[in-house]
């Protein structure tokens, strides 16, 4: 199961690159902000903390998937020096009736914690699922949350993506930190 999940997760950066990050500011050369200098390992740890903070804001009982963040290239930049972090995961509430409350809490709480909601409403899927995109300019991270109330089981699908990091001088991007 884990291998299948990882394979589907690898497609996430492509979708995220086009859907998120457009509201993040500072040093945009291709629409993607600079996230500063970091090793891949440290950037992954930072993304885990960011995801954990979002999980805490959900505020209803449930379980998060255990997907790890991944490393991908920054389009148009030297792949040995520049990278982005992506972290797709999901949240399953203990009760399906809590799914709407979890989404409402995120919409209400994210702005109180430095996130700016840049899009909210039904997406273009067959189910017209409610989707929210929020950017955190200071952290150079964007999150897209989809309320998948018609899936079995009902879940919130969360996809986080960072701006472009540059590795410290003399180091290379580690794709498997």
Protein backbone atom coordinates (compact mmCIF):
# COMPACT_ATOMS: atom_id res chain seq x y z
CA UNK A 1 0.00 0.00 0.00
CA UNK A 2 2.78 2.41 0.91
CA UNK A 3 4.45 1.91 -2.49
CA UNK A 4 1.21 2.63 -4.34
CA UNK A 5 0.62 5.70 -2.23
CA UNK A 6 4.14 7.00 -2.91
CA UNK A 7 3.69 6.50 -6.65
CA UNK A 8 0.52 8.57 -6.67
CA UNK A 9 2.15 11.16 -4.44
CA UNK A 10 4.87 11.76 -7.02
CA UNK A 11 2.31 13.27 -9.37
CA UNK A 12 1.33 15.84 -6.75
CA UNK A 13 4.18 18.31 -7.40
CA UNK A 14 3.05 18.79 -10.99
CA UNK A 15 -0.49 19.60 -9.95
CA UNK A 16 0.66 21.73 -7.04
CA UNK A 17 3.07 23.76 -9.13
CA UNK A 18 0.18 24.99 -11.23
CA UNK A 19 -2.39 25.35 -8.45
CA UNK A 20 -0.50 26.88 -5.56
CA UNK A 21 2.13 29.37 -4.68
CA UNK A 22 0.72 32.14 -6.84
CA UNK A 23 -0.07 34.32 -3.85
CA UNK A 24 3.27 33.93 -2.12
CA UNK A 25 5.47 36.98 -2.65
CA UNK A 26 9.16 37.99 -2.68
CA UNK A 27 11.79 37.07 -5.23
CA UNK A 28 9.45 35.61 -7.81
CA UNK A 29 11.30 34.90 -11.02
CA UNK A 30 8.88 32.33 -12.42
CA UNK A 31 5.95 32.77 -10.05
CA UNK A 32 7.60 30.62 -7.35
CA UNK A 33 9.13 32.51 -4.43
CA UNK A 34 12.55 31.85 -2.98
CA UNK A 35 12.29 29.98 0.31
CA UNK A 36 15.91 30.71 1.23
CA UNK A 37 18.85 28.38 1.78
CA UNK A 38 18.46 24.96 3.37
CA UNK A 39 19.46 21.35 3.10
CA UNK A 40 16.78 18.99 1.78
CA UNK A 41 16.63 17.26 5.17
CA UNK A 42 16.06 20.48 7.12
CA UNK A 43 13.44 21.69 4.62
CA UNK A 44 11.56 18.37 4.96
CA UNK A 45 11.58 18.75 8.76
CA UNK A 46 10.25 22.31 8.42
CA UNK A 47 7.44 21.07 6.16
CA UNK A 48 6.54 18.35 8.69
CA UNK A 49 6.19 21.05 11.37
CA UNK A 50 4.05 23.18 9.06
CA UNK A 51 1.76 20.23 8.30
CA UNK A 52 1.57 19.40 12.01
CA UNK A 53 0.51 22.97 12.75
CA UNK A 54 -2.29 22.69 10.19
CA UNK A 55 -3.35 19.36 11.68
CA UNK A 56 -3.63 21.03 15.09
CA UNK A 57 -5.92 23.72 13.60
CA UNK A 58 -8.39 21.10 12.30
CA UNK A 59 -9.63 20.70 15.85
CA UNK A 60 -11.86 17.65 15.41
CA UNK A 61 -11.10 14.04 16.28
CA UNK A 62 -9.75 11.95 13.47
CA UNK A 63 -6.64 10.50 11.90
CA UNK A 64 -4.06 11.88 9.49
CA UNK A 65 -2.36 9.75 6.86
CA UNK A 66 1.33 9.09 7.42
CA UNK A 67 2.71 10.33 4.10
CA UNK A 68 6.17 11.84 4.28
CA UNK A 69 7.13 15.06 2.48
CA UNK A 70 9.05 14.70 -0.75
CA UNK A 71 11.64 16.67 -2.67
CA UNK A 72 11.16 17.84 -6.25
CA UNK A 73 12.90 20.20 -8.63
CA UNK A 74 12.28 23.90 -9.13
CA UNK A 75 11.17 24.31 -12.71
CA UNK A 76 13.76 26.10 -14.82
CA UNK A 77 16.49 25.98 -12.17
CA UNK A 78 19.59 23.83 -11.67
CA UNK A 79 18.25 20.62 -10.10
CA UNK A 80 21.53 20.05 -8.25
CA UNK A 81 21.17 23.35 -6.37
CA UNK A 82 17.44 24.15 -6.15
CA UNK A 83 14.48 22.16 -4.87
CA UNK A 84 10.95 22.38 -3.50
CA UNK A 85 9.24 20.36 -0.79
CA UNK A 86 5.76 18.92 -1.27
CA UNK A 87 3.64 17.16 1.33
CA UNK A 88 0.33 15.57 0.37
CA UNK A 89 -1.64 14.02 3.20
CA UNK A 90 -5.23 13.45 4.22
CA UNK A 91 -7.39 13.75 7.31
CA UNK A 92 -10.22 11.34 8.11
CA UNK A 93 -12.54 12.59 10.83
CA UNK A 94 -13.77 10.13 13.45
CA UNK A 95 -17.29 10.96 12.31
CA UNK A 96 -18.20 11.85 8.71
CA UNK A 97 -20.43 14.61 10.08
CA UNK A 98 -17.28 16.36 11.40
CA UNK A 99 -15.79 16.86 7.92
CA UNK A 100 -17.58 20.17 7.27
CA UNK A 101 -16.58 21.41 10.74
CA UNK A 102 -12.92 20.54 10.05
CA UNK A 103 -12.98 22.53 6.80
CA UNK A 104 -14.77 25.46 8.47
CA UNK A 105 -12.22 25.49 11.29
CA UNK A 106 -9.34 25.62 8.81
CA UNK A 107 -10.99 28.48 6.91
CA UNK A 108 -11.44 30.36 10.19
CA UNK A 109 -8.13 29.49 11.90
CA UNK A 110 -5.55 29.58 9.10
CA UNK A 111 -5.69 33.40 8.75
CA UNK A 112 -5.14 33.75 12.51
CA UNK A 113 -1.83 31.91 12.05
CA UNK A 114 -0.31 33.88 9.17
CA UNK A 115 -2.06 32.18 6.24
CA UNK A 116 -3.88 34.17 3.57
CA UNK A 117 -6.78 32.41 1.87
CA UNK A 118 -6.35 33.10 -1.85
CA UNK A 119 -9.09 30.82 -3.23
CA UNK A 120 -12.21 29.19 -1.79
CA UNK A 121 -15.14 27.48 -3.45
CA UNK A 122 -16.26 24.51 -5.51
CA UNK A 123 -13.58 22.98 -7.73
CA UNK A 124 -14.01 21.65 -11.25
CA UNK A 125 -14.35 17.99 -10.24
CA UNK A 126 -17.49 16.03 -11.00
CA UNK A 127 -18.47 16.35 -7.32
CA UNK A 128 -17.75 20.12 -7.20
CA UNK A 129 -15.83 19.55 -3.95
CA UNK A 130 -15.13 22.64 -1.85
CA UNK A 131 -11.48 23.60 -2.24
CA UNK A 132 -9.42 26.19 -0.38
CA UNK A 133 -5.93 27.45 -1.16
CA UNK A 134 -3.98 29.44 1.42
CA UNK A 135 -0.49 30.92 1.28
CA UNK A 136 1.89 31.64 4.14
CA UNK A 137 4.20 34.38 2.84
CA UNK A 138 6.63 34.20 5.75
CA UNK A 139 7.07 30.42 5.51
CA UNK A 140 6.91 30.44 1.69
CA UNK A 141 4.42 27.57 1.75
CA UNK A 142 1.05 27.12 0.09
CA UNK A 143 -1.64 24.60 1.04
CA UNK A 144 -4.63 23.37 -0.93
CA UNK A 145 -7.37 21.65 1.08
CA UNK A 146 -10.16 19.73 -0.65
CA UNK A 147 -13.28 18.64 1.24
CA UNK A 148 -13.90 15.24 -0.32
CA UNK A 149 -17.24 14.61 1.38
CA UNK A 150 -18.39 12.15 -1.28
CA UNK A 151 -15.37 9.86 -1.09
CA UNK A 152 -15.49 6.66 0.92
CA UNK A 153 -14.48 7.39 3.58
CA UNK A 154 -14.99 11.17 3.51
CA UNK A 155 -11.66 12.99 3.92
CA UNK A 156 -9.90 16.30 3.71
CA UNK A 157 -7.13 16.08 1.13
CA UNK A 158 -4.25 18.46 1.92
CA UNK A 159 -1.37 19.30 -0.38
CA UNK A 160 1.43 21.58 0.80
CA UNK A 161 4.21 22.91 -1.42
CA UNK A 162 7.13 25.19 -0.61
CA UNK A 163 8.87 27.89 -2.56
CA UNK A 164 12.27 27.14 -4.10
CA UNK A 165 15.10 26.42 -1.70
CA UNK A 166 18.76 26.64 -2.60
CA UNK A 167 21.19 24.21 -0.97
CA UNK A 168 24.14 25.70 0.95
CA UNK A 169 27.36 26.18 -1.03
CA UNK A 170 29.21 22.94 -1.68
CA UNK A 171 26.13 20.72 -1.18
CA UNK A 172 23.75 18.99 -3.57
CA UNK A 173 20.02 18.39 -3.43
CA UNK A 174 19.22 15.11 -1.68
CA UNK A 175 16.06 13.69 -3.24
CA UNK A 176 15.66 11.13 -0.43
CA UNK A 177 16.48 12.95 2.82
